Amino acid sequence: MASKAISVGVGIPMIVVGALIAWLCAPLQSEMQNTIEFVGSLIGILGVVFFISGLFYTKEPIMH
């Protein structure tokens, strides 16, 4: 049972914002381009981690 609130509410927006920062904001800044690309990529990677963790989240512990 996946958590849509984590996957859709946190993961996907972080992926989108990270991509926008890395692809649109970084080329506009010549001095700190590498740093801005790194921060955007880091936000995107954390968004992927939140998205995947939302797929595996369950409210009740699974007992085997």
Protein backbone atom coordinates (compact mmCIF):
# COMPACT_ATOMS: atom_id res chain seq x y z
CA MET A 1 0.00 0.00 0.00
CA ALA A 2 1.73 3.14 -1.20
CA SER A 3 1.43 6.61 0.27
CA LYS A 4 0.22 9.01 -2.41
CA ALA A 5 0.82 11.99 -0.11
CA ILE A 6 4.54 11.28 0.05
CA SER A 7 5.00 10.24 -3.58
CA VAL A 8 2.82 12.83 -5.28
CA GLY A 9 2.89 15.60 -2.69
CA VAL A 10 6.61 15.64 -1.94
CA GLY A 11 8.56 13.50 -4.41
CA ILE A 12 7.30 14.76 -7.75
CA PRO A 13 7.42 18.49 -6.85
CA MET A 14 11.00 18.10 -5.61
CA ILE A 15 11.99 16.38 -8.86
CA VAL A 16 10.38 19.15 -10.92
CA VAL A 17 11.88 21.99 -8.86
CA GLY A 18 15.33 20.40 -8.92
CA ALA A 19 15.19 19.99 -12.69
CA LEU A 20 14.06 23.59 -13.17
CA ILE A 21 16.85 24.89 -10.97
CA ALA A 22 19.51 22.79 -12.69
CA TRP A 23 18.36 23.43 -16.27
CA LEU A 24 16.90 26.96 -16.22
CA CYS A 25 18.54 28.90 -13.38
CA ALA A 26 22.09 27.57 -13.63
CA PRO A 27 22.87 28.81 -17.18
CA LEU A 28 21.80 32.32 -16.20
CA GLN A 29 24.42 32.53 -13.45
CA SER A 30 27.97 32.48 -14.76
CA GLU A 31 29.87 32.70 -11.47
CA MET A 32 28.07 30.03 -9.46
CA GLN A 33 26.82 27.78 -12.25
CA ASN A 34 28.40 24.59 -10.87
CA THR A 35 27.02 25.19 -7.39
CA ILE A 36 23.50 25.88 -8.65
CA GLU A 37 23.59 22.78 -10.85
CA PHE A 38 24.74 20.73 -7.86
CA VAL A 39 21.97 22.05 -5.60
CA GLY A 40 19.33 21.46 -8.30
CA SER A 41 20.57 17.94 -8.90
CA LEU A 42 20.64 17.24 -5.16
CA ILE A 43 17.04 18.42 -4.78
CA GLY A 44 16.02 16.21 -7.71
CA ILE A 45 17.79 13.16 -6.29
CA LEU A 46 16.18 13.68 -2.89
CA GLY A 47 12.83 13.94 -4.68
CA VAL A 48 13.44 10.54 -6.28
CA VAL A 49 14.30 9.11 -2.85
CA PHE A 50 11.07 10.52 -1.36
CA PHE A 51 9.07 9.22 -4.34
CA ILE A 52 10.45 5.69 -3.95
CA SER A 53 10.05 5.72 -0.17
CA GLY A 54 6.42 6.77 -0.64
CA LEU A 55 5.86 3.68 -2.78
CA PHE A 56 7.05 1.39 0.02
CA TYR A 57 5.45 3.20 2.99
CA THR A 58 2.73 1.37 4.92
CA LYS A 59 0.85 2.61 7.96
CA GLU A 60 0.55 -0.84 9.49
CA PRO A 61 3.61 -3.03 10.03
CA ILE A 62 3.67 -6.08 7.79
CA MET A 63 3.95 -9.28 9.82
CA HIS A 64 5.03 -12.43 8.03
